[in-house]
């Protein structure tokens, strides 16, 4: 007998799948590679990073992000390059949360 148990993806696995799906929604496909040009990256950031874009919604900021992400200088952002944006933003958010938590705990101990 074979088991047909349903395997439920973990939250991390689902997050990985979402990253792949979002990149695929905005990217252009060329043979086996998916890439974003500057306009596609801008649209992705406008629609998927709305809170961030409220504070950095200018063309110069987008140009700088694109330049920083385009490691190989081909004028396109590949999935691997996109992941560095996501990782950097995630780290920044985590750092902010840790600072807030530290301040909260510090203020509680002073009371």
PDB file of N, CA and C in Angstrom:
ATOM      1  N   UNK A   1       0.838  -1.192   0.000  1.00  0.00           N
ATOM      2  CA  UNK A   1       0.000   0.000   0.000  1.00  0.00           C
ATOM      3  C   UNK A   1       0.876   1.247   0.000  1.00  0.00           C
ATOM      4  N   UNK A   2       0.467   2.179  -0.790  1.00  0.00           N
ATOM      5  CA  UNK A   2       1.186   3.446  -0.791  1.00  0.00           C
ATOM      6  C   UNK A   2       0.366   4.490  -0.057  1.00  0.00           C
ATOM      7  N   UNK A   3       1.079   5.362   0.589  1.00  0.00           N
ATOM      8  CA  UNK A   3       0.428   6.423   1.347  1.00  0.00           C
ATOM      9  C   UNK A   3       0.191   7.624   0.439  1.00  0.00           C
ATOM     10  N   UNK A   4      -0.986   8.172   0.524  1.00  0.00           N
ATOM     11  CA  UNK A   4      -1.308   9.374  -0.250  1.00  0.00           C
ATOM     12  C   UNK A   4      -1.519  10.553   0.686  1.00  0.00           C
ATOM     13  N   UNK A   5      -0.783  10.541   1.777  1.00  0.00           N
ATOM     14  CA  UNK A   5      -0.905  11.615   2.763  1.00  0.00           C
ATOM     15  C   UNK A   5      -0.537  12.944   2.119  1.00  0.00           C
ATOM     16  N   UNK A   6      -1.289  13.932   2.457  1.00  0.00           N
ATOM     17  CA  UNK A   6      -1.060  15.270   1.918  1.00  0.00           C
ATOM     18  C   UNK A   6       0.057  15.940   2.710  1.00  0.00           C
ATOM     19  N   UNK A   7       1.079  16.361   2.004  1.00  0.00           N
ATOM     20  CA  UNK A   7       2.188  17.039   2.660  1.00  0.00           C
ATOM     21  C   UNK A   7       1.925  18.542   2.584  1.00  0.00           C
ATOM     22  N   UNK A   8       1.852  19.158   3.728  1.00  0.00           N
ATOM     23  CA  UNK A   8       1.586  20.593   3.796  1.00  0.00           C
ATOM     24  C   UNK A   8       2.919  21.324   3.885  1.00  0.00           C
ATOM     25  N   UNK A   9       3.128  22.280   2.965  1.00  0.00           N
ATOM     26  CA  UNK A   9       4.388  23.030   3.014  1.00  0.00           C
ATOM     27  C   UNK A   9       4.485  23.860   4.291  1.00  0.00           C
ATOM     28  N   UNK A  10       5.684  24.024   4.759  1.00  0.00           N
ATOM     29  CA  UNK A  10       5.926  24.842   5.943  1.00  0.00           C
ATOM     30  C   UNK A  10       5.758  26.317   5.581  1.00  0.00           C
ATOM     31  N   UNK A  11       5.624  27.185   6.577  1.00  0.00           N
ATOM     32  CA  UNK A  11       5.542  28.622   6.275  1.00  0.00           C
ATOM     33  C   UNK A  11       6.741  29.132   5.479  1.00  0.00           C
ATOM     34  N   UNK A  12       7.932  28.646   5.777  1.00  0.00           N
ATOM     35  CA  UNK A  12       9.114  29.079   5.037  1.00  0.00           C
ATOM     36  C   UNK A  12       9.056  28.605   3.586  1.00  0.00           C
ATOM     37  N   UNK A  13       8.630  27.372   3.397  1.00  0.00           N
ATOM     38  CA  UNK A  13       8.487  26.856   2.029  1.00  0.00           C
ATOM     39  C   UNK A  13       7.440  27.644   1.252  1.00  0.00           C
ATOM     40  N   UNK A  14       6.355  28.015   1.905  1.00  0.00           N
ATOM     41  CA  UNK A  14       5.328  28.825   1.245  1.00  0.00           C
ATOM     42  C   UNK A  14       5.865  30.213   0.912  1.00  0.00           C
ATOM     43  N   UNK A  15       6.671  30.801   1.797  1.00  0.00           N
ATOM     44  CA  UNK A  15       7.280  32.106   1.522  1.00  0.00           C
ATOM     45  C   UNK A  15       8.203  32.016   0.314  1.00  0.00           C
ATOM     46  N   UNK A  16       8.958  30.924   0.230  1.00  0.00           N
ATOM     47  CA  UNK A  16       9.848  30.730  -0.925  1.00  0.00           C
ATOM     48  C   UNK A  16       9.032  30.638  -2.212  1.00  0.00           C
ATOM     49  N   UNK A  17       7.945  29.905  -2.160  1.00  0.00           N
ATOM     50  CA  UNK A  17       7.077  29.766  -3.333  1.00  0.00           C
ATOM     51  C   UNK A  17       6.490  31.119  -3.735  1.00  0.00           C
ATOM     52  N   UNK A  18       6.113  31.924  -2.753  1.00  0.00           N
ATOM     53  CA  UNK A  18       5.566  33.257  -3.038  1.00  0.00           C
ATOM     54  C   UNK A  18       6.615  34.146  -3.706  1.00  0.00           C
ATOM     55  N   UNK A  19       7.849  34.086  -3.228  1.00  0.00           N
ATOM     56  CA  UNK A  19       8.921  34.867  -3.854  1.00  0.00           C
ATOM     57  C   UNK A  19       9.088  34.482  -5.327  1.00  0.00           C
ATOM     58  N   UNK A  20       9.089  33.199  -5.586  1.00  0.00           N
ATOM     59  CA  UNK A  20       9.228  32.710  -6.961  1.00  0.00           C
ATOM     60  C   UNK A  20       8.047  33.190  -7.807  1.00  0.00           C
ATOM     61  N   UNK A  21       6.843  33.075  -7.269  1.00  0.00           N
ATOM     62  CA  UNK A  21       5.643  33.488  -8.003  1.00  0.00           C
ATOM     63  C   UNK A  21       5.636  34.986  -8.292  1.00  0.00           C
ATOM     64  N   UNK A  22       5.967  35.794  -7.290  1.00  0.00           N
ATOM     65  CA  UNK A  22       5.966  37.249  -7.487  1.00  0.00           C
ATOM     66  C   UNK A  22       6.988  37.639  -8.543  1.00  0.00           C
ATOM     67  N   UNK A  23       8.183  37.099  -8.454  1.00  0.00           N
ATOM     68  CA  UNK A  23       9.205  37.410  -9.453  1.00  0.00           C
ATOM     69  C   UNK A  23       8.715  37.011 -10.847  1.00  0.00           C
ATOM     70  N   UNK A  24       8.105  35.858 -10.946  1.00  0.00           N
ATOM     71  CA  UNK A  24       7.599  35.380 -12.228  1.00  0.00           C
ATOM     72  C   UNK A  24       6.498  36.241 -12.811  1.00  0.00           C
ATOM     73  N   UNK A  25       5.682  36.843 -11.958  1.00  0.00           N
ATOM     74  CA  UNK A  25       4.597  37.706 -12.427  1.00  0.00           C
ATOM     75  C   UNK A  25       5.117  38.951 -13.134  1.00  0.00           C
ATOM     76  N   UNK A  26       6.263  39.448 -12.726  1.00  0.00           N
ATOM     77  CA  UNK A  26       6.782  40.716 -13.237  1.00  0.00           C
ATOM     78  C   UNK A  26       7.929  40.543 -14.228  1.00  0.00           C
ATOM     79  N   UNK A  27       8.493  39.358 -14.309  1.00  0.00           N
ATOM     80  CA  UNK A  27       9.712  39.164 -15.100  1.00  0.00           C
ATOM     81  C   UNK A  27       9.412  38.824 -16.551  1.00  0.00           C
ATOM     82  N   UNK A  28      10.438  39.004 -17.367  1.00  0.00           N
ATOM     83  CA  UNK A  28      10.392  38.549 -18.750  1.00  0.00           C
ATOM     84  C   UNK A  28      11.149  37.231 -18.824  1.00  0.00           C
ATOM     85  N   UNK A  29      10.636  36.336 -19.622  1.00  0.00           N
ATOM     86  CA  UNK A  29      11.257  35.025 -19.724  1.00  0.00           C
ATOM     87  C   UNK A  29      12.023  34.930 -21.029  1.00  0.00           C
ATOM     88  N   UNK A  30      13.278  34.543 -20.930  1.00  0.00           N
ATOM     89  CA  UNK A  30      14.123  34.373 -22.101  1.00  0.00           C
ATOM     90  C   UNK A  30      14.798  33.026 -21.968  1.00  0.00           C
ATOM     91  N   UNK A  31      14.295  32.046 -22.676  1.00  0.00           N
ATOM     92  CA  UNK A  31      14.757  30.669 -22.596  1.00  0.00           C
ATOM     93  C   UNK A  31      14.623  30.172 -21.164  1.00  0.00           C
ATOM     94  N   UNK A  32      15.729  29.905 -20.489  1.00  0.00           N
ATOM     95  CA  UNK A  32      15.669  29.332 -19.140  1.00  0.00           C
ATOM     96  C   UNK A  32      15.865  30.377 -18.050  1.00  0.00           C
ATOM     97  N   UNK A  33      15.937  31.646 -18.418  1.00  0.00           N
ATOM     98  CA  UNK A  33      16.240  32.675 -17.437  1.00  0.00           C
ATOM     99  C   UNK A  33      15.100  33.688 -17.358  1.00  0.00           C
ATOM    100  N   UNK A  34      14.766  34.092 -16.148  1.00  0.00           N
ATOM    101  CA  UNK A  34      13.795  35.145 -15.936  1.00  0.00           C
ATOM    102  C   UNK A  34      14.546  36.371 -15.439  1.00  0.00           C
ATOM    103  N   UNK A  35      14.209  37.528 -15.969  1.00  0.00           N
ATOM    104  CA  UNK A  35      14.874  38.763 -15.556  1.00  0.00           C
ATOM    105  C   UNK A  35      13.865  39.901 -15.476  1.00  0.00           C
ATOM    106  N   UNK A  36      14.274  40.944 -14.758  1.00  0.00           N
ATOM    107  CA  UNK A  36      13.490  42.177 -14.666  1.00  0.00           C
ATOM    108  C   UNK A  36      14.304  43.308 -15.275  1.00  0.00           C
ATOM    109  N   UNK A  37      13.667  44.113 -16.113  1.00  0.00           N
ATOM    110  CA  UNK A  37      14.318  45.346 -16.520  1.00  0.00           C
ATOM    111  C   UNK A  37      13.946  46.417 -15.485  1.00  0.00           C
ATOM    112  N   UNK A  38      14.431  47.626 -15.663  1.00  0.00           N
ATOM    113  CA  UNK A  38      14.210  48.662 -14.649  1.00  0.00           C
ATOM    114  C   UNK A  38      12.723  48.973 -14.459  1.00  0.00           C
ATOM    115  N   UNK A  39      11.974  49.014 -15.554  1.00  0.00           N
ATOM    116  CA  UNK A  39      10.542  49.314 -15.455  1.00  0.00           C
ATOM    117  C   UNK A  39       9.790  48.195 -14.734  1.00  0.00           C
ATOM    118  N   UNK A  40      10.155  46.961 -15.007  1.00  0.00           N
ATOM    119  CA  UNK A  40       9.512  45.830 -14.336  1.00  0.00           C
ATOM    120  C   UNK A  40       9.841  45.817 -12.846  1.00  0.00           C
ATOM    121  N   UNK A  41      11.087  46.120 -12.512  1.00  0.00           N
ATOM    122  CA  UNK A  41      11.473  46.195 -11.106  1.00  0.00           C
ATOM    123  C   UNK A  41      10.687  47.299 -10.413  1.00  0.00           C
ATOM    124  N   UNK A  42      10.556  48.446 -11.051  1.00  0.00           N
ATOM    125  CA  UNK A  42       9.797  49.566 -10.480  1.00  0.00           C
ATOM    126  C   UNK A  42       8.348  49.159 -10.228  1.00  0.00           C
ATOM    127  N   UNK A  43       7.730  48.488 -11.202  1.00  0.00           N
ATOM    128  CA  UNK A  43       6.340  48.045 -11.042  1.00  0.00           C
ATOM    129  C   UNK A  43       6.222  47.040  -9.898  1.00  0.00           C
ATOM    130  N   UNK A  44       7.147  46.090  -9.839  1.00  0.00           N
ATOM    131  CA  UNK A  44       7.141  45.109  -8.753  1.00  0.00           C
ATOM    132  C   UNK A  44       7.241  45.813  -7.397  1.00  0.00           C
ATOM    133  N   UNK A  45       8.177  46.750  -7.297  1.00  0.00           N
ATOM    134  CA  UNK A  45       8.363  47.442  -6.019  1.00  0.00           C
ATOM    135  C   UNK A  45       7.154  48.308  -5.670  1.00  0.00           C
ATOM    136  N   UNK A  46       6.581  48.995  -6.664  1.00  0.00           N
ATOM    137  CA  UNK A  46       5.392  49.818  -6.422  1.00  0.00           C
ATOM    138  C   UNK A  46       4.215  48.989  -5.928  1.00  0.00           C
ATOM    139  N   UNK A  47       4.055  47.802  -6.510  1.00  0.00           N
ATOM    140  CA  UNK A  47       2.886  46.976  -6.198  1.00  0.00           C
ATOM    141  C   UNK A  47       3.103  45.989  -5.057  1.00  0.00           C
ATOM    142  N   UNK A  48       4.341  45.577  -4.815  1.00  0.00           N
ATOM    143  CA  UNK A  48       4.595  44.551  -3.814  1.00  0.00           C
ATOM    144  C   UNK A  48       5.316  45.058  -2.561  1.00  0.00           C
ATOM    145  N   UNK A  49       5.919  46.229  -2.654  1.00  0.00           N
ATOM    146  CA  UNK A  49       6.635  46.820  -1.513  1.00  0.00           C
ATOM    147  C   UNK A  49       6.062  48.205  -1.240  1.00  0.00           C
ATOM    148  N   UNK A  50       4.744  48.265  -1.086  1.00  0.00           N
ATOM    149  CA  UNK A  50       4.042  49.552  -1.012  1.00  0.00           C
ATOM    150  C   UNK A  50       4.481  50.405   0.169  1.00  0.00           C
ATOM    151  N   UNK A  51       4.703  49.811   1.314  1.00  0.00           N
ATOM    152  CA  UNK A  51       5.121  50.589   2.483  1.00  0.00           C
ATOM    153  C   UNK A  51       6.494  51.200   2.266  1.00  0.00           C
ATOM    154  N   UNK A  52       7.422  50.421   1.759  1.00  0.00           N
ATOM    155  CA  UNK A  52       8.758  50.924   1.465  1.00  0.00           C
ATOM    156  C   UNK A  52       8.701  52.043   0.431  1.00  0.00           C
ATOM    157  N   UNK A  53       7.912  51.850  -0.595  1.00  0.00           N
ATOM    158  CA  UNK A  53       7.851  52.821  -1.679  1.00  0.00           C
ATOM    159  C   UNK A  53       7.213  54.138  -1.252  1.00  0.00           C
ATOM    160  N   UNK A  54       6.436  54.126  -0.195  1.00  0.00           N
ATOM    161  CA  UNK A  54       5.876  55.385   0.322  1.00  0.00           C
ATOM    162  C   UNK A  54       6.994  56.312   0.768  1.00  0.00           C
ATOM    163  N   UNK A  55       8.097  55.765   1.217  1.00  0.00           N
ATOM    164  CA  UNK A  55       9.205  56.560   1.736  1.00  0.00           C
ATOM    165  C   UNK A  55      10.324  56.763   0.714  1.00  0.00           C
ATOM    166  N   UNK A  56      10.361  55.945  -0.330  1.00  0.00           N
ATOM    167  CA  UNK A  56      11.461  56.014  -1.300  1.00  0.00           C
ATOM    168  C   UNK A  56      10.920  56.014  -2.731  1.00  0.00           C
ATOM    169  N   UNK A  57       9.872  56.767  -2.968  1.00  0.00           N
ATOM    170  CA  UNK A  57       9.209  56.726  -4.268  1.00  0.00           C
ATOM    171  C   UNK A  57       9.735  57.816  -5.194  1.00  0.00           C
ATOM    172  N   UNK A  58      10.999  57.698  -5.574  1.00  0.00           N
ATOM    173  CA  UNK A  58      11.534  58.620  -6.564  1.00  0.00           C
ATOM    174  C   UNK A  58      12.434  57.841  -7.522  1.00  0.00           C
ATOM    175  N   UNK A  59      12.598  58.390  -8.697  1.00  0.00           N
ATOM    176  CA  UNK A  59      13.333  57.671  -9.737  1.00  0.00           C
ATOM    177  C   UNK A  59      14.798  57.462  -9.371  1.00  0.00           C
ATOM    178  N   UNK A  60      15.398  58.423  -8.681  1.00  0.00           N
ATOM    179  CA  UNK A  60      16.810  58.273  -8.311  1.00  0.00           C
ATOM    180  C   UNK A  60      16.999  57.073  -7.373  1.00  0.00           C
ATOM    181  N   UNK A  61      16.088  56.896  -6.430  1.00  0.00           N
ATOM    182  CA  UNK A  61      16.176  55.752  -5.519  1.00  0.00           C
ATOM    183  C   UNK A  61      16.047  54.444  -6.287  1.00  0.00           C
ATOM    184  N   UNK A  62      15.120  54.391  -7.240  1.00  0.00           N
ATOM    185  CA  UNK A  62      14.953  53.186  -8.054  1.00  0.00           C
ATOM    186  C   UNK A  62      16.198  52.928  -8.893  1.00  0.00           C
ATOM    187  N   UNK A  63      16.753  53.992  -9.479  1.00  0.00           N
ATOM    188  CA  UNK A  63      17.982  53.847 -10.267  1.00  0.00           C
ATOM    189  C   UNK A  63      19.111  53.275  -9.419  1.00  0.00           C
ATOM    190  N   UNK A  64      19.231  53.754  -8.186  1.00  0.00           N
ATOM    191  CA  UNK A  64      20.286  53.262  -7.292  1.00  0.00           C
ATOM    192  C   UNK A  64      20.058  51.800  -6.908  1.00  0.00           C
ATOM    193  N   UNK A  65      18.808  51.452  -6.615  1.00  0.00           N
ATOM    194  CA  UNK A  65      18.493  50.062  -6.275  1.00  0.00           C
ATOM    195  C   UNK A  65      18.825  49.161  -7.458  1.00  0.00           C
ATOM    196  N   UNK A  66      18.408  49.578  -8.648  1.00  0.00           N
ATOM    197  CA  UNK A  66      18.653  48.771  -9.839  1.00  0.00           C
ATOM    198  C   UNK A  66      20.152  48.585 -10.069  1.00  0.00           C
ATOM    199  N   UNK A  67      20.899  49.670  -9.942  1.00  0.00           N
ATOM    200  CA  UNK A  67      22.352  49.603 -10.138  1.00  0.00           C
ATOM    201  C   UNK A  67      22.994  48.661  -9.123  1.00  0.00           C
ATOM    202  N   UNK A  68      22.545  48.746  -7.865  1.00  0.00           N
ATOM    203  CA  UNK A  68      23.088  47.876  -6.820  1.00  0.00           C
ATOM    204  C   UNK A  68      22.748  46.408  -7.056  1.00  0.00           C
ATOM    205  N   UNK A  69      21.573  46.143  -7.614  1.00  0.00           N
ATOM    206  CA  UNK A  69      21.140  44.760  -7.825  1.00  0.00           C
ATOM    207  C   UNK A  69      21.750  44.124  -9.066  1.00  0.00           C
ATOM    208  N   UNK A  70      22.056  44.926 -10.058  1.00  0.00           N
ATOM    209  CA  UNK A  70      22.554  44.404 -11.330  1.00  0.00           C
ATOM    210  C   UNK A  70      24.043  44.072 -11.203  1.00  0.00           C
ATOM    211  N   UNK A  71      24.337  43.003 -10.451  1.00  0.00           N
ATOM    212  CA  UNK A  71      25.718  42.615 -10.148  1.00  0.00           C
ATOM    213  C   UNK A  71      26.574  42.394 -11.395  1.00  0.00           C
ATOM    214  N   UNK A  72      25.980  41.774 -12.403  1.00  0.00           N
ATOM    215  CA  UNK A  72      26.769  41.435 -13.590  1.00  0.00           C
ATOM    216  C   UNK A  72      26.756  42.529 -14.649  1.00  0.00           C
ATOM    217  N   UNK A  73      26.035  43.616 -14.410  1.00  0.00           N
ATOM    218  CA  UNK A  73      26.051  44.761 -15.313  1.00  0.00           C
ATOM    219  C   UNK A  73      25.378  44.536 -16.654  1.00  0.00           C
ATOM    220  N   UNK A  74      24.467  43.569 -16.740  1.00  0.00           N
ATOM    221  CA  UNK A  74      23.813  43.292 -18.019  1.00  0.00           C
ATOM    222  C   UNK A  74      22.553  44.135 -18.256  1.00  0.00           C
ATOM    223  N   UNK A  75      22.240  45.029 -17.313  1.00  0.00           N
ATOM    224  CA  UNK A  75      21.059  45.875 -17.465  1.00  0.00           C
ATOM    225  C   UNK A  75      19.770  45.179 -17.098  1.00  0.00           C
ATOM    226  N   UNK A  76      19.884  44.014 -16.468  1.00  0.00           N
ATOM    227  CA  UNK A  76      18.716  43.238 -16.044  1.00  0.00           C
ATOM    228  C   UNK A  76      18.954  42.710 -14.634  1.00  0.00           C
ATOM    229  N   UNK A  77      17.867  42.463 -13.925  1.00  0.00           N
ATOM    230  CA  UNK A  77      17.959  41.878 -12.593  1.00  0.00           C
ATOM    231  C   UNK A  77      17.452  40.440 -12.672  1.00  0.00           C
ATOM    232  N   UNK A  78      18.352  39.490 -12.448  1.00  0.00           N
ATOM    233  CA  UNK A  78      18.003  38.070 -12.434  1.00  0.00           C
ATOM    234  C   UNK A  78      17.412  37.711 -11.066  1.00  0.00           C
ATOM    235  N   UNK A  79      16.845  36.526 -10.987  1.00  0.00           N
ATOM    236  CA  UNK A  79      16.220  36.084  -9.738  1.00  0.00           C
ATOM    237  C   UNK A  79      17.198  36.127  -8.577  1.00  0.00           C
ATOM    238  N   UNK A  80      18.427  35.670  -8.813  1.00  0.00           N
ATOM    239  CA  UNK A  80      19.429  35.665  -7.743  1.00  0.00           C
ATOM    240  C   UNK A  80      19.705  37.081  -7.252  1.00  0.00           C
ATOM    241  N   UNK A  81      19.735  38.022  -8.162  1.00  0.00           N
ATOM    242  CA  UNK A  81      19.972  39.423  -7.805  1.00  0.00           C
ATOM    243  C   UNK A  81      18.774  39.996  -7.051  1.00  0.00           C
ATOM    244  N   UNK A  82      17.574  39.610  -7.479  1.00  0.00           N
ATOM    245  CA  UNK A  82      16.343  40.022  -6.792  1.00  0.00           C
ATOM    246  C   UNK A  82      16.330  39.521  -5.351  1.00  0.00           C
ATOM    247  N   UNK A  83      16.805  38.296  -5.163  1.00  0.00           N
ATOM    248  CA  UNK A  83      16.826  37.730  -3.809  1.00  0.00           C
ATOM    249  C   UNK A  83      17.702  38.548  -2.871  1.00  0.00           C
ATOM    250  N   UNK A  84      18.754  39.165  -3.388  1.00  0.00           N
ATOM    251  CA  UNK A  84      19.596  39.998  -2.525  1.00  0.00           C
ATOM    252  C   UNK A  84      18.808  41.221  -2.034  1.00  0.00           C
ATOM    253  N   UNK A  85      17.906  41.758  -2.859  1.00  0.00           N
ATOM    254  CA  UNK A  85      17.039  42.853  -2.424  1.00  0.00           C
ATOM    255  C   UNK A  85      16.123  42.388  -1.296  1.00  0.00           C
ATOM    256  N   UNK A  86      15.484  41.252  -1.511  1.00  0.00           N
ATOM    257  CA  UNK A  86      14.569  40.710  -0.502  1.00  0.00           C
ATOM    258  C   UNK A  86      15.313  40.413   0.800  1.00  0.00           C
ATOM    259  N   UNK A  87      16.494  39.817   0.693  1.00  0.00           N
ATOM    260  CA  UNK A  87      17.280  39.500   1.889  1.00  0.00           C
ATOM    261  C   UNK A  87      17.689  40.769   2.623  1.00  0.00           C
ATOM    262  N   UNK A  88      18.149  41.769   1.890  1.00  0.00           N
ATOM    263  CA  UNK A  88      18.556  43.027   2.516  1.00  0.00           C
ATOM    264  C   UNK A  88      17.398  43.728   3.211  1.00  0.00           C
ATOM    265  N   UNK A  89      16.248  43.767   2.547  1.00  0.00           N
ATOM    266  CA  UNK A  89      15.076  44.398   3.152  1.00  0.00           C
ATOM    267  C   UNK A  89      14.593  43.624   4.375  1.00  0.00           C
ATOM    268  N   UNK A  90      14.641  42.307   4.285  1.00  0.00           N
ATOM    269  CA  UNK A  90      14.225  41.471   5.413  1.00  0.00           C
ATOM    270  C   UNK A  90      15.151  41.677   6.602  1.00  0.00           C
ATOM    271  N   UNK A  91      16.447  41.755   6.349  1.00  0.00           N
ATOM    272  CA  UNK A  91      17.409  42.002   7.423  1.00  0.00           C
ATOM    273  C   UNK A  91      17.161  43.367   8.056  1.00  0.00           C
ATOM    274  N   UNK A  92      16.919  44.362   7.235  1.00  0.00           N
ATOM    275  CA  UNK A  92      16.658  45.703   7.739  1.00  0.00           C
ATOM    276  C   UNK A  92      15.407  45.734   8.625  1.00  0.00           C
ATOM    277  N   UNK A  93      14.360  45.056   8.191  1.00  0.00           N
ATOM    278  CA  UNK A  93      13.136  44.984   9.001  1.00  0.00           C
ATOM    279  C   UNK A  93      13.395  44.265  10.320  1.00  0.00           C
ATOM    280  N   UNK A  94      14.145  43.179  10.272  1.00  0.00           N
ATOM    281  CA  UNK A  94      14.479  42.449  11.482  1.00  0.00           C
ATOM    282  C   UNK A  94      15.299  43.313  12.438  1.00  0.00           C
ATOM    283  N   UNK A  95      16.263  44.047  11.897  1.00  0.00           N
ATOM    284  CA  UNK A  95      17.081  44.933  12.726  1.00  0.00           C
ATOM    285  C   UNK A  95      16.209  45.969  13.428  1.00  0.00           C
ATOM    286  N   UNK A  96      15.266  46.552  12.698  1.00  0.00           N
ATOM    287  CA  UNK A  96      14.367  47.550  13.297  1.00  0.00           C
ATOM    288  C   UNK A  96      13.516  46.945  14.398  1.00  0.00           C
ATOM    289  N   UNK A  97      13.016  45.729  14.163  1.00  0.00           N
ATOM    290  CA  UNK A  97      12.222  45.058  15.193  1.00  0.00           C
ATOM    291  C   UNK A  97      13.057  44.779  16.442  1.00  0.00           C
ATOM    292  N   UNK A  98      14.297  44.366  16.255  1.00  0.00           N
ATOM    293  CA  UNK A  98      15.173  44.100  17.400  1.00  0.00           C
ATOM    294  C   UNK A  98      15.454  45.376  18.191  1.00  0.00           C
ATOM    295  N   UNK A  99      15.656  46.483  17.493  1.00  0.00           N
ATOM    296  CA  UNK A  99      15.898  47.768  18.165  1.00  0.00           C
ATOM    297  C   UNK A  99      14.667  48.185  18.960  1.00  0.00           C
ATOM    298  N   UNK A 100      13.491  48.063  18.352  1.00  0.00           N
ATOM    299  CA  UNK A 100      12.247  48.406  19.064  1.00  0.00           C
ATOM    300  C   UNK A 100      12.063  47.543  20.303  1.00  0.00           C
ATOM    301  N   UNK A 101      12.325  46.247  20.160  1.00  0.00           N
ATOM    302  CA  UNK A 101      12.179  45.330  21.292  1.00  0.00           C
ATOM    303  C   UNK A 101      13.187  45.664  22.387  1.00  0.00           C
ATOM    304  N   UNK A 102      14.408  45.983  22.011  1.00  0.00           N
ATOM    305  CA  UNK A 102      15.428  46.355  22.989  1.00  0.00           C
ATOM    306  C   UNK A 102      15.003  47.620  23.743  1.00  0.00           C
ATOM    307  N   UNK A 103      14.510  48.606  23.025  1.00  0.00           N
ATOM    308  CA  UNK A 103      14.053  49.845  23.669  1.00  0.00           C
ATOM    309  C   UNK A 103      12.893  49.578  24.605  1.00  0.00           C
ATOM    310  N   UNK A 104      11.978  48.714  24.177  1.00  0.00           N
ATOM    311  CA  UNK A 104      10.822  48.388  25.021  1.00  0.00           C
ATOM    312  C   UNK A 104      11.284  47.698  26.301  1.00  0.00           C
ATOM    313  N   UNK A 105      12.185  46.736  26.177  1.00  0.00           N
ATOM    314  CA  UNK A 105      12.664  46.014  27.357  1.00  0.00           C
ATOM    315  C   UNK A 105      13.473  46.926  28.265  1.00  0.00           C
ATOM    316  N   UNK A 106      14.259  47.813  27.668  1.00  0.00           N
ATOM    317  CA  UNK A 106      15.057  48.746  28.458  1.00  0.00           C
ATOM    318  C   UNK A 106      14.166  49.699  29.233  1.00  0.00           C
ATOM    319  N   UNK A 107      13.114  50.185  28.616  1.00  0.00           N
ATOM    320  CA  UNK A 107      12.206  51.106  29.304  1.00  0.00           C
ATOM    321  C   UNK A 107      11.435  50.398  30.424  1.00  0.00           C
ATOM    322  N   UNK A 108      11.130  49.104  30.245  1.00  0.00           N
ATOM    323  CA  UNK A 108      10.438  48.350  31.290  1.00  0.00           C
ATOM    324  C   UNK A 108      11.318  48.134  32.507  1.00  0.00           C
ATOM    325  N   UNK A 109      12.600  47.909  32.322  1.00  0.00           N
ATOM    326  CA  UNK A 109      13.497  47.651  33.447  1.00  0.00           C
ATOM    327  C   UNK A 109      13.776  48.936  34.238  1.00  0.00           C
ATOM    328  N   UNK A 110      13.617  50.097  33.597  1.00  0.00           N
ATOM    329  CA  UNK A 110      13.840  51.367  34.277  1.00  0.00           C
ATOM    330  C   UNK A 110      12.657  51.760  35.158  1.00  0.00           C
ATOM    331  N   UNK A 111      11.530  51.120  34.939  1.00  0.00           N
ATOM    332  CA  UNK A 111      10.324  51.499  35.706  1.00  0.00           C
ATOM    333  C   UNK A 111      10.282  50.859  37.052  1.00  0.00           C
TER     334      UNK A 111
END
